[in-house]
Amino acid sequence: ISPTAYFVPVSVKIPGSVIALAEKRNGGQTQFDFVGQVIDERKHIVAKVRDLITVKLGASDTEKLASRNFHYDAGFTLAPGKYRIQFLVRENQSGKMGTFDFRFVVPDLAADSMLLKTSSVIWSNQREPLKAAVGTVGDPGKKINNSDPLVSGNEKIVPNITKVFRRSQNMYITFDVYDAMPDPDAVRARRVMVSMSLFNSKGMKAFESQPIKATSLAAARPNAVQVQ
């Protein structure tokens, strides 16, 4: 968002096959409790979220539940630093709970480095309309969507947590480069070249892409070049 503020998106994915629905006329219903917090290096809570989402499904959607997923979106605005995120989800019909605990770093653009500063690399095999999410925290308006690196137009990139892909699936890779130098011939452009190599379990190269150019700055993320 600025050199001292980053929008950190959180995408929660829940398989429909583990969800119990309360039977309603012409469909089913359940509720999700979402609780999350971000802790800094001094063990202070710097951001938190609490949300209760009710999901109502029609009869046709209920029949397809085993092959569907629920998505919940949240986001935090954080300064550069090292953090830990803790997230808990409770499905209130059955009482089942799921937790997530992860450490991450928000880079400091002012710090000297011989390497380009980049975001996390997002692996995905799925893109969905924004309206497909179970719920979102805050105003899901255009300003937030533009700042969210998981949003492209009216679609949202759904991260693949396991990084396992079937042969029939597309594999999307997305990340931001933050501190590339301006192109001398065009101040609003950058000159970033990206290639990708995949290695097998023995360390031998199995695939290498041709280099691609990434030159355009993201609309609402200053100095960030989005690589897709």
C-alpha atoms as a PDB file:
ATOM      1  CA  ILE A   1       0.000   0.000   0.000  1.00  0.00           C
ATOM      2  CA  SER A   2       2.984   2.277   0.774  1.00  0.00           C
ATOM      3  CA  PRO A   3       6.712   1.807   1.573  1.00  0.00           C
ATOM      4  CA  THR A   4       5.758   1.307   5.245  1.00  0.00           C
ATOM      5  CA  ALA A   5       2.433  -0.543   4.896  1.00  0.00           C
ATOM      6  CA  TYR A   6       1.599  -3.855   3.249  1.00  0.00           C
ATOM      7  CA  PHE A   7      -1.788  -5.447   2.657  1.00  0.00           C
ATOM      8  CA  VAL A   8      -1.445  -9.117   3.664  1.00  0.00           C
ATOM      9  CA  PRO A   9      -4.296 -11.261   2.303  1.00  0.00           C
ATOM     10  CA  VAL A  10      -5.533 -14.372   4.095  1.00  0.00           C
ATOM     11  CA  SER A  11      -7.438 -17.036   2.168  1.00  0.00           C
ATOM     12  CA  VAL A  12      -9.104 -19.843   4.135  1.00  0.00           C
ATOM     13  CA  LYS A  13     -10.278 -22.920   2.236  1.00  0.00           C
ATOM     14  CA  ILE A  14     -12.617 -25.507   3.806  1.00  0.00           C
ATOM     15  CA  PRO A  15     -13.555 -28.739   1.965  1.00  0.00           C
ATOM     16  CA  GLY A  16     -17.302 -29.215   1.746  1.00  0.00           C
ATOM     17  CA  SER A  17     -16.883 -32.965   2.285  1.00  0.00           C
ATOM     18  CA  VAL A  18     -16.190 -32.403   6.020  1.00  0.00           C
ATOM     19  CA  ILE A  19     -19.151 -30.089   6.616  1.00  0.00           C
ATOM     20  CA  ALA A  20     -22.420 -31.181   8.227  1.00  0.00           C
ATOM     21  CA  LEU A  21     -25.490 -29.198   7.170  1.00  0.00           C
ATOM     22  CA  ALA A  22     -28.624 -28.605   9.184  1.00  0.00           C
ATOM     23  CA  GLU A  23     -31.501 -29.617   6.922  1.00  0.00           C
ATOM     24  CA  LYS A  24     -33.731 -26.742   5.898  1.00  0.00           C
ATOM     25  CA  ARG A  25     -36.603 -26.522   3.492  1.00  0.00           C
ATOM     26  CA  ASN A  26     -35.190 -26.847  -0.040  1.00  0.00           C
ATOM     27  CA  GLY A  27     -31.575 -27.064   1.131  1.00  0.00           C
ATOM     28  CA  GLY A  28     -29.241 -26.869   4.091  1.00  0.00           C
ATOM     29  CA  GLN A  29     -27.480 -24.403   6.370  1.00  0.00           C
ATOM     30  CA  THR A  30     -24.391 -24.117   8.548  1.00  0.00           C
ATOM     31  CA  GLN A  31     -22.393 -21.473  10.417  1.00  0.00           C
ATOM     32  CA  PHE A  32     -18.658 -20.792  10.575  1.00  0.00           C
ATOM     33  CA  ASP A  33     -16.772 -18.971  13.341  1.00  0.00           C
ATOM     34  CA  PHE A  34     -13.493 -17.407  12.164  1.00  0.00           C
ATOM     35  CA  VAL A  35     -10.952 -16.140  14.706  1.00  0.00           C
ATOM     36  CA  GLY A  36      -7.493 -14.914  13.751  1.00  0.00           C
ATOM     37  CA  GLN A  37      -4.647 -12.828  15.130  1.00  0.00           C
ATOM     38  CA  VAL A  38      -1.227 -11.591  14.019  1.00  0.00           C
ATOM     39  CA  ILE A  39       1.612 -11.397  16.586  1.00  0.00           C
ATOM     40  CA  ASP A  40       4.845  -9.418  16.159  1.00  0.00           C
ATOM     41  CA  GLU A  41       8.359 -10.277  17.389  1.00  0.00           C
ATOM     42  CA  ARG A  42       7.638  -8.740  20.787  1.00  0.00           C
ATOM     43  CA  LYS A  43       4.645 -11.073  21.112  1.00  0.00           C
ATOM     44  CA  HIS A  44       2.183  -8.203  20.851  1.00  0.00           C
ATOM     45  CA  ILE A  45      -1.092  -8.723  18.983  1.00  0.00           C
ATOM     46  CA  VAL A  46      -0.978  -6.184  16.138  1.00  0.00           C
ATOM     47  CA  ALA A  47      -4.050  -7.282  14.182  1.00  0.00           C
ATOM     48  CA  LYS A  48      -7.026  -9.564  14.733  1.00  0.00           C
ATOM     49  CA  VAL A  49     -10.269 -10.658  13.162  1.00  0.00           C
ATOM     50  CA  ARG A  50     -13.451 -12.289  14.463  1.00  0.00           C
ATOM     51  CA  ASP A  51     -16.309 -13.193  12.163  1.00  0.00           C
ATOM     52  CA  LEU A  52     -19.463 -15.330  12.138  1.00  0.00           C
ATOM     53  CA  ILE A  53     -20.698 -16.401   8.706  1.00  0.00           C
ATOM     54  CA  THR A  54     -23.974 -18.198   8.001  1.00  0.00           C
ATOM     55  CA  VAL A  55     -24.054 -20.267   4.809  1.00  0.00           C
ATOM     56  CA  LYS A  56     -27.349 -21.255   3.192  1.00  0.00           C
ATOM     57  CA  LEU A  57     -27.368 -23.653   0.257  1.00  0.00           C
ATOM     58  CA  GLY A  58     -30.138 -24.604  -2.120  1.00  0.00           C
ATOM     59  CA  ALA A  59     -31.050 -28.229  -2.809  1.00  0.00           C
ATOM     60  CA  SER A  60     -28.867 -28.488  -5.927  1.00  0.00           C
ATOM     61  CA  ASP A  61     -25.830 -26.978  -4.150  1.00  0.00           C
ATOM     62  CA  THR A  62     -26.317 -29.274  -1.160  1.00  0.00           C
ATOM     63  CA  GLU A  63     -26.103 -32.338  -3.416  1.00  0.00           C
ATOM     64  CA  LYS A  64     -22.760 -31.102  -4.812  1.00  0.00           C
ATOM     65  CA  LEU A  65     -21.309 -30.237  -1.394  1.00  0.00           C
ATOM     66  CA  ALA A  66     -18.841 -33.152  -1.280  1.00  0.00           C
ATOM     67  CA  SER A  67     -17.016 -31.824  -4.352  1.00  0.00           C
ATOM     68  CA  ARG A  68     -17.111 -28.138  -3.395  1.00  0.00           C
ATOM     69  CA  ASN A  69     -15.031 -25.926  -1.134  1.00  0.00           C
ATOM     70  CA  PHE A  70     -15.899 -22.960   1.041  1.00  0.00           C
ATOM     71  CA  HIS A  71     -13.645 -19.895   0.814  1.00  0.00           C
ATOM     72  CA  TYR A  72     -13.238 -17.130   3.364  1.00  0.00           C
ATOM     73  CA  ASP A  73     -11.164 -13.998   2.748  1.00  0.00           C
ATOM     74  CA  ALA A  74      -9.565 -11.653   5.260  1.00  0.00           C
ATOM     75  CA  GLY A  75      -6.656  -9.238   5.187  1.00  0.00           C
ATOM     76  CA  PHE A  76      -4.359  -7.260   7.461  1.00  0.00           C
ATOM     77  CA  THR A  77      -2.382  -4.042   6.922  1.00  0.00           C
ATOM     78  CA  LEU A  78       1.067  -4.465   8.489  1.00  0.00           C
ATOM     79  CA  ALA A  79       4.391  -2.640   8.708  1.00  0.00           C
ATOM     80  CA  PRO A  80       7.636  -4.398   7.669  1.00  0.00           C
ATOM     81  CA  GLY A  81       8.745  -7.012  10.201  1.00  0.00           C
ATOM     82  CA  LYS A  82       8.529 -10.632  11.288  1.00  0.00           C
ATOM     83  CA  TYR A  83       5.130 -11.984  12.297  1.00  0.00           C
ATOM     84  CA  ARG A  84       3.192 -15.061  13.334  1.00  0.00           C
ATOM     85  CA  ILE A  85      -0.406 -15.644  12.295  1.00  0.00           C
ATOM     86  CA  GLN A  86      -2.768 -17.906  14.216  1.00  0.00           C
ATOM     87  CA  PHE A  87      -6.156 -18.771  12.754  1.00  0.00           C
ATOM     88  CA  LEU A  88      -9.027 -20.928  14.009  1.00  0.00           C
ATOM     89  CA  VAL A  89     -12.180 -21.986  12.173  1.00  0.00           C
ATOM     90  CA  ARG A  90     -15.158 -23.680  13.857  1.00  0.00           C
ATOM     91  CA  GLU A  91     -18.090 -25.227  11.999  1.00  0.00           C
ATOM     92  CA  ASN A  92     -20.960 -24.769  14.410  1.00  0.00           C
ATOM     93  CA  GLN A  93     -23.242 -27.541  13.190  1.00  0.00           C
ATOM     94  CA  SER A  94     -20.833 -30.369  14.096  1.00  0.00           C
ATOM     95  CA  GLY A  95     -18.416 -28.479  16.358  1.00  0.00           C
ATOM     96  CA  LYS A  96     -15.401 -29.444  14.228  1.00  0.00           C
ATOM     97  CA  MET A  97     -12.473 -27.031  14.386  1.00  0.00           C
ATOM     98  CA  GLY A  98      -9.398 -26.413  12.268  1.00  0.00           C
ATOM     99  CA  THR A  99      -6.317 -24.339  13.129  1.00  0.00           C
ATOM    100  CA  PHE A 100      -3.437 -22.748  11.247  1.00  0.00           C
ATOM    101  CA  ASP A 101      -0.180 -21.376  12.696  1.00  0.00           C
ATOM    102  CA  PHE A 102       2.469 -19.838  10.462  1.00  0.00           C
ATOM    103  CA  ARG A 103       5.396 -17.409  10.602  1.00  0.00           C
ATOM    104  CA  PHE A 104       5.983 -14.915   7.804  1.00  0.00           C
ATOM    105  CA  VAL A 105       8.041 -11.828   6.943  1.00  0.00           C
ATOM    106  CA  VAL A 106       6.903  -8.495   5.508  1.00  0.00           C
ATOM    107  CA  PRO A 107       9.974  -7.092   3.704  1.00  0.00           C
ATOM    108  CA  ASP A 108      11.519  -3.701   4.443  1.00  0.00           C
ATOM    109  CA  LEU A 109      12.102  -1.788   1.205  1.00  0.00           C
ATOM    110  CA  ALA A 110      14.491   0.603   2.975  1.00  0.00           C
ATOM    111  CA  ALA A 111      16.885  -2.166   4.022  1.00  0.00           C
ATOM    112  CA  ASP A 112      19.982  -2.763   1.881  1.00  0.00           C
ATOM    113  CA  SER A 113      19.969  -6.049  -0.020  1.00  0.00           C
ATOM    114  CA  MET A 114      21.776  -7.601  -2.991  1.00  0.00           C
ATOM    115  CA  LEU A 115      18.589  -9.514  -3.815  1.00  0.00           C
ATOM    116  CA  LEU A 116      15.280  -8.310  -5.197  1.00  0.00           C
ATOM    117  CA  LYS A 117      12.605  -8.117  -2.536  1.00  0.00           C
ATOM    118  CA  THR A 118       9.609 -10.289  -3.408  1.00  0.00           C
ATOM    119  CA  SER A 119       6.368 -11.455  -1.896  1.00  0.00           C
ATOM    120  CA  SER A 120       5.561 -15.052  -1.073  1.00  0.00           C
ATOM    121  CA  VAL A 121       5.149 -17.232  -4.165  1.00  0.00           C
ATOM    122  CA  ILE A 122       1.521 -18.307  -4.580  1.00  0.00           C
ATOM    123  CA  TRP A 123       0.851 -21.698  -6.241  1.00  0.00           C
ATOM    124  CA  SER A 124      -2.663 -22.207  -7.539  1.00  0.00           C
ATOM    125  CA  ASN A 125      -4.740 -24.370  -9.852  1.00  0.00           C
ATOM    126  CA  GLN A 126      -7.970 -22.451  -9.396  1.00  0.00           C
ATOM    127  CA  ARG A 127      -9.441 -19.023 -10.067  1.00  0.00           C
ATOM    128  CA  GLU A 128     -12.944 -18.125  -8.928  1.00  0.00           C
ATOM    129  CA  PRO A 129     -15.323 -15.161  -9.174  1.00  0.00           C
ATOM    130  CA  LEU A 130     -15.037 -12.820  -6.176  1.00  0.00           C
ATOM    131  CA  LYS A 131     -18.661 -13.566  -5.244  1.00  0.00           C
ATOM    132  CA  ALA A 132     -17.763 -17.254  -4.671  1.00  0.00           C
ATOM    133  CA  ALA A 133     -16.206 -16.536  -1.255  1.00  0.00           C
ATOM    134  CA  VAL A 134     -18.188 -17.548   1.843  1.00  0.00           C
ATOM    135  CA  GLY A 135     -17.428 -14.164   3.378  1.00  0.00           C
ATOM    136  CA  THR A 136     -15.002 -11.280   3.488  1.00  0.00           C
ATOM    137  CA  VAL A 137     -13.821  -9.041   6.304  1.00  0.00           C
ATOM    138  CA  GLY A 138     -14.292  -5.305   5.909  1.00  0.00           C
ATOM    139  CA  ASP A 139     -15.515  -3.461   2.835  1.00  0.00           C
ATOM    140  CA  PRO A 140     -15.115  -5.760  -0.200  1.00  0.00           C
ATOM    141  CA  GLY A 141     -15.006  -2.667  -2.408  1.00  0.00           C
ATOM    142  CA  LYS A 142     -12.784  -1.814  -5.311  1.00  0.00           C
ATOM    143  CA  LYS A 143     -10.007  -0.190  -3.233  1.00  0.00           C
ATOM    144  CA  ILE A 144      -9.400  -3.321  -1.137  1.00  0.00           C
ATOM    145  CA  ASN A 145      -9.661  -5.608  -4.153  1.00  0.00           C
ATOM    146  CA  ASN A 146      -7.046  -3.596  -6.041  1.00  0.00           C
ATOM    147  CA  SER A 147      -4.669  -3.828  -3.086  1.00  0.00           C
ATOM    148  CA  ASP A 148      -5.153  -7.587  -2.788  1.00  0.00           C
ATOM    149  CA  PRO A 149      -2.501  -9.425  -4.830  1.00  0.00           C
ATOM    150  CA  LEU A 150      -4.788 -12.470  -4.986  1.00  0.00           C
ATOM    151  CA  VAL A 151      -7.400 -10.483  -6.924  1.00  0.00           C
ATOM    152  CA  SER A 152      -7.125 -10.038 -10.685  1.00  0.00           C
ATOM    153  CA  GLY A 153     -10.069  -8.183 -12.231  1.00  0.00           C
ATOM    154  CA  ASN A 154     -13.251  -9.884 -11.008  1.00  0.00           C
ATOM    155  CA  GLU A 155     -11.448 -13.129 -10.178  1.00  0.00           C
ATOM    156  CA  LYS A 156      -9.642 -14.360  -7.097  1.00  0.00           C
ATOM    157  CA  ILE A 157      -6.633 -16.648  -7.151  1.00  0.00           C
ATOM    158  CA  VAL A 158      -7.279 -19.544  -4.745  1.00  0.00           C
ATOM    159  CA  PRO A 159      -3.929 -20.697  -3.285  1.00  0.00           C
ATOM    160  CA  ASN A 160      -3.090 -24.407  -3.463  1.00  0.00           C
ATOM    161  CA  ILE A 161      -1.908 -25.150   0.076  1.00  0.00           C
ATOM    162  CA  THR A 162      -0.615 -28.675  -0.613  1.00  0.00           C
ATOM    163  CA  LYS A 163       1.205 -27.726  -3.856  1.00  0.00           C
ATOM    164  CA  VAL A 164      -0.050 -31.007  -5.364  1.00  0.00           C
ATOM    165  CA  PHE A 165      -1.367 -30.861  -8.923  1.00  0.00           C
ATOM    166  CA  ARG A 166      -3.010 -33.361 -11.262  1.00  0.00           C
ATOM    167  CA  ARG A 167      -1.861 -33.642 -14.858  1.00  0.00           C
ATOM    168  CA  SER A 168      -5.214 -32.313 -16.047  1.00  0.00           C
ATOM    169  CA  GLN A 169      -4.908 -29.091 -14.035  1.00  0.00           C
ATOM    170  CA  ASN A 170      -3.328 -25.776 -14.899  1.00  0.00           C
ATOM    171  CA  MET A 171      -0.674 -24.509 -12.505  1.00  0.00           C
ATOM    172  CA  TYR A 172      -0.703 -20.757 -11.865  1.00  0.00           C
ATOM    173  CA  ILE A 173       2.238 -19.054 -10.167  1.00  0.00           C
ATOM    174  CA  THR A 174       1.866 -15.499  -8.880  1.00  0.00           C
ATOM    175  CA  PHE A 175       4.099 -13.163  -6.867  1.00  0.00           C
ATOM    176  CA  ASP A 176       5.126  -9.504  -6.604  1.00  0.00           C
ATOM    177  CA  VAL A 177       8.562  -7.953  -7.105  1.00  0.00           C
ATOM    178  CA  TYR A 178       8.771  -4.837  -4.933  1.00  0.00           C
ATOM    179  CA  ASP A 179      11.980  -2.927  -5.616  1.00  0.00           C
ATOM    180  CA  ALA A 180      12.908  -3.225  -9.287  1.00  0.00           C
ATOM    181  CA  MET A 181      14.569  -0.086 -10.675  1.00  0.00           C
ATOM    182  CA  PRO A 182      12.570   2.145 -13.068  1.00  0.00           C
ATOM    183  CA  ASP A 183      13.158   1.712 -16.778  1.00  0.00           C
ATOM    184  CA  PRO A 184      15.301   4.691 -17.952  1.00  0.00           C
ATOM    185  CA  ASP A 185      13.043   5.002 -20.995  1.00  0.00           C
ATOM    186  CA  ALA A 186       9.745   4.917 -19.054  1.00  0.00           C
ATOM    187  CA  VAL A 187       9.476   5.886 -15.377  1.00  0.00           C
ATOM    188  CA  ARG A 188       6.268   3.887 -14.865  1.00  0.00           C
ATOM    189  CA  ALA A 189       7.797   0.689 -16.284  1.00  0.00           C
ATOM    190  CA  ARG A 190      10.256  -1.883 -14.969  1.00  0.00           C
ATOM    191  CA  ARG A 191      12.513  -4.439 -16.625  1.00  0.00           C
ATOM    192  CA  VAL A 192      11.995  -7.761 -14.821  1.00  0.00           C
ATOM    193  CA  MET A 193      12.790 -11.095 -16.469  1.00  0.00           C
ATOM    194  CA  VAL A 194      11.419 -14.265 -14.891  1.00  0.00           C
ATOM    195  CA  SER A 195      12.002 -17.952 -15.564  1.00  0.00           C
ATOM    196  CA  MET A 196      10.937 -21.035 -13.630  1.00  0.00           C
ATOM    197  CA  SER A 197      12.667 -24.369 -13.178  1.00  0.00           C
ATOM    198  CA  LEU A 198      11.235 -27.531 -11.632  1.00  0.00           C
ATOM    199  CA  PHE A 199      13.488 -30.228 -10.166  1.00  0.00           C
ATOM    200  CA  ASN A 200      12.656 -33.833  -9.331  1.00  0.00           C
ATOM    201  CA  SER A 201      13.308 -35.525  -5.996  1.00  0.00           C
ATOM    202  CA  LYS A 202      16.882 -36.372  -7.097  1.00  0.00           C
ATOM    203  CA  GLY A 203      17.698 -32.727  -7.752  1.00  0.00           C
ATOM    204  CA  MET A 204      17.673 -33.088 -11.542  1.00  0.00           C
ATOM    205  CA  LYS A 205      16.010 -30.394 -13.630  1.00  0.00           C
ATOM    206  CA  ALA A 206      12.728 -31.707 -15.054  1.00  0.00           C
ATOM    207  CA  PHE A 207      11.334 -28.525 -16.593  1.00  0.00           C
ATOM    208  CA  GLU A 208      12.397 -24.971 -17.378  1.00  0.00           C
ATOM    209  CA  SER A 209      10.211 -22.213 -18.780  1.00  0.00           C
ATOM    210  CA  GLN A 210      11.292 -19.660 -21.318  1.00  0.00           C
ATOM    211  CA  PRO A 211      12.005 -16.244 -19.716  1.00  0.00           C
ATOM    212  CA  ILE A 212       9.025 -13.910 -19.604  1.00  0.00           C
ATOM    213  CA  LYS A 213       9.011 -10.135 -19.180  1.00  0.00           C
ATOM    214  CA  ALA A 214       7.181  -8.399 -16.344  1.00  0.00           C
ATOM    215  CA  THR A 215       7.171  -4.637 -16.868  1.00  0.00           C
ATOM    216  CA  SER A 216       3.880  -3.222 -15.559  1.00  0.00           C
ATOM    217  CA  LEU A 217       3.328  -1.850 -12.070  1.00  0.00           C
ATOM    218  CA  ALA A 218       0.290  -3.044 -10.128  1.00  0.00           C
ATOM    219  CA  ALA A 219      -2.476  -0.429 -10.147  1.00  0.00           C
ATOM    220  CA  ALA A 220      -2.859  -0.032  -6.367  1.00  0.00           C
ATOM    221  CA  ARG A 221       0.461  -1.397  -5.071  1.00  0.00           C
ATOM    222  CA  PRO A 222       3.174   1.276  -5.459  1.00  0.00           C
ATOM    223  CA  ASN A 223       6.382   0.028  -7.144  1.00  0.00           C
ATOM    224  CA  ALA A 224       5.117  -3.579  -7.157  1.00  0.00           C
ATOM    225  CA  VAL A 225       5.484  -5.585 -10.343  1.00  0.00           C
ATOM    226  CA  GLN A 226       3.051  -8.495 -10.496  1.00  0.00           C
ATOM    227  CA  VAL A 227       4.466 -11.662 -12.027  1.00  0.00           C
ATOM    228  CA  GLN A 228       1.990 -14.247 -13.333  1.00  0.00           C
END
